[in-house]
């Protein structure tokens, strides 16, 4: 499967890895941290970090980052992957 812009899941992960600091900055600008996202989802901070670093494509975590205000252009979300 590919993202809406034709990227493979691996390409999405690489691009999200490159944006990891900007994702964290976006959370910090809103007074949030990866720990806050993890706590709200009931998962470990490591699981949130793995998604931000592009190792995982957790739809639930990506949705939580969107809801927290992280711009879509930083998330590189492949469609159809959990």
C-alpha atoms as a PDB file:
ATOM      1  CA  UNK A   1       0.000   0.000   0.000  1.00  0.00           C
ATOM      2  CA  UNK A   2       1.026   3.588  -0.548  1.00  0.00           C
ATOM      3  CA  UNK A   3       0.152   6.923   0.967  1.00  0.00           C
ATOM      4  CA  UNK A   4      -2.107   9.394  -0.817  1.00  0.00           C
ATOM      5  CA  UNK A   5       0.977  10.943  -2.417  1.00  0.00           C
ATOM      6  CA  UNK A   6       2.337   7.565  -3.554  1.00  0.00           C
ATOM      7  CA  UNK A   7       4.941   6.957  -0.857  1.00  0.00           C
ATOM      8  CA  UNK A   8       5.570   3.467   0.475  1.00  0.00           C
ATOM      9  CA  UNK A   9       5.363   2.851   4.240  1.00  0.00           C
ATOM     10  CA  UNK A  10       9.185   2.799   4.374  1.00  0.00           C
ATOM     11  CA  UNK A  11       9.399   6.166   2.620  1.00  0.00           C
ATOM     12  CA  UNK A  12       6.786   7.592   5.006  1.00  0.00           C
ATOM     13  CA  UNK A  13       8.805   6.338   7.969  1.00  0.00           C
ATOM     14  CA  UNK A  14      12.043   7.842   6.663  1.00  0.00           C
ATOM     15  CA  UNK A  15      10.375  11.198   6.077  1.00  0.00           C
ATOM     16  CA  UNK A  16       8.729  11.182   9.522  1.00  0.00           C
ATOM     17  CA  UNK A  17      12.114  10.326  11.060  1.00  0.00           C
ATOM     18  CA  UNK A  18      13.554  13.427   9.372  1.00  0.00           C
ATOM     19  CA  UNK A  19      10.735  15.529  10.858  1.00  0.00           C
ATOM     20  CA  UNK A  20      10.887  14.054  14.385  1.00  0.00           C
ATOM     21  CA  UNK A  21      12.294  17.204  15.978  1.00  0.00           C
ATOM     22  CA  UNK A  22       9.706  19.393  14.275  1.00  0.00           C
ATOM     23  CA  UNK A  23       6.956  17.053  15.512  1.00  0.00           C
ATOM     24  CA  UNK A  24       8.283  17.388  19.057  1.00  0.00           C
ATOM     25  CA  UNK A  25       8.557  21.174  18.674  1.00  0.00           C
ATOM     26  CA  UNK A  26       4.958  21.271  17.497  1.00  0.00           C
ATOM     27  CA  UNK A  27       3.863  19.375  20.608  1.00  0.00           C
ATOM     28  CA  UNK A  28       5.949  21.613  22.874  1.00  0.00           C
ATOM     29  CA  UNK A  29       4.422  24.748  21.310  1.00  0.00           C
ATOM     30  CA  UNK A  30       1.071  23.403  22.496  1.00  0.00           C
ATOM     31  CA  UNK A  31       2.373  22.569  25.970  1.00  0.00           C
ATOM     32  CA  UNK A  32       2.409  18.829  25.252  1.00  0.00           C
ATOM     33  CA  UNK A  33       5.006  16.079  25.239  1.00  0.00           C
ATOM     34  CA  UNK A  34       5.279  12.544  23.921  1.00  0.00           C
ATOM     35  CA  UNK A  35       4.539  11.408  27.478  1.00  0.00           C
ATOM     36  CA  UNK A  36       1.256  13.322  27.428  1.00  0.00           C
ATOM     37  CA  UNK A  37       0.239  11.647  24.169  1.00  0.00           C
ATOM     38  CA  UNK A  38       1.213   8.237  25.563  1.00  0.00           C
ATOM     39  CA  UNK A  39      -0.696   8.809  28.801  1.00  0.00           C
ATOM     40  CA  UNK A  40      -3.822   9.901  26.907  1.00  0.00           C
ATOM     41  CA  UNK A  41      -3.666   6.777  24.746  1.00  0.00           C
ATOM     42  CA  UNK A  42      -2.729   4.414  27.590  1.00  0.00           C
ATOM     43  CA  UNK A  43       0.434   3.271  25.818  1.00  0.00           C
ATOM     44  CA  UNK A  44       4.140   3.614  26.520  1.00  0.00           C
ATOM     45  CA  UNK A  45       6.175   6.662  25.639  1.00  0.00           C
ATOM     46  CA  UNK A  46       8.414   4.288  23.667  1.00  0.00           C
ATOM     47  CA  UNK A  47       5.452   3.365  21.449  1.00  0.00           C
ATOM     48  CA  UNK A  48       4.752   7.042  20.709  1.00  0.00           C
ATOM     49  CA  UNK A  49       8.451   7.638  20.085  1.00  0.00           C
ATOM     50  CA  UNK A  50       8.605   4.686  17.659  1.00  0.00           C
ATOM     51  CA  UNK A  51       5.755   6.205  15.638  1.00  0.00           C
ATOM     52  CA  UNK A  52       7.336   9.672  15.650  1.00  0.00           C
ATOM     53  CA  UNK A  53      10.661   8.175  14.564  1.00  0.00           C
ATOM     54  CA  UNK A  54       8.953   6.345  11.690  1.00  0.00           C
ATOM     55  CA  UNK A  55       9.567   2.799  12.947  1.00  0.00           C
ATOM     56  CA  UNK A  56       5.837   2.227  13.479  1.00  0.00           C
ATOM     57  CA  UNK A  57       2.811   3.550  11.625  1.00  0.00           C
ATOM     58  CA  UNK A  58       0.282   3.402  14.465  1.00  0.00           C
ATOM     59  CA  UNK A  59      -2.942   4.934  13.164  1.00  0.00           C
ATOM     60  CA  UNK A  60      -4.067   5.562  16.728  1.00  0.00           C
ATOM     61  CA  UNK A  61      -0.883   7.450  17.617  1.00  0.00           C
ATOM     62  CA  UNK A  62      -0.853   9.407  14.351  1.00  0.00           C
ATOM     63  CA  UNK A  63      -4.501  10.371  14.947  1.00  0.00           C
ATOM     64  CA  UNK A  64      -3.627  11.539  18.480  1.00  0.00           C
ATOM     65  CA  UNK A  65      -0.773  13.657  17.099  1.00  0.00           C
ATOM     66  CA  UNK A  66      -3.169  15.212  14.579  1.00  0.00           C
ATOM     67  CA  UNK A  67      -5.684  15.948  17.324  1.00  0.00           C
ATOM     68  CA  UNK A  68      -2.888  17.532  19.368  1.00  0.00           C
ATOM     69  CA  UNK A  69      -2.318  19.943  16.496  1.00  0.00           C
ATOM     70  CA  UNK A  70       0.742  18.468  14.795  1.00  0.00           C
ATOM     71  CA  UNK A  71       0.549  19.542  11.139  1.00  0.00           C
ATOM     72  CA  UNK A  72      -0.346  16.770   8.712  1.00  0.00           C
ATOM     73  CA  UNK A  73       2.629  17.675   6.520  1.00  0.00           C
ATOM     74  CA  UNK A  74       4.970  16.421   9.280  1.00  0.00           C
ATOM     75  CA  UNK A  75       3.297  13.048   9.818  1.00  0.00           C
ATOM     76  CA  UNK A  76       3.736  11.257   6.465  1.00  0.00           C
ATOM     77  CA  UNK A  77       0.980   8.786   7.229  1.00  0.00           C
ATOM     78  CA  UNK A  78       0.712   5.746   4.951  1.00  0.00           C
ATOM     79  CA  UNK A  79      -2.901   4.775   4.375  1.00  0.00           C
ATOM     80  CA  UNK A  80      -4.058   1.331   5.423  1.00  0.00           C
ATOM     81  CA  UNK A  81      -1.360   0.698   8.036  1.00  0.00           C
ATOM     82  CA  UNK A  82      -1.664   0.287  11.774  1.00  0.00           C
END
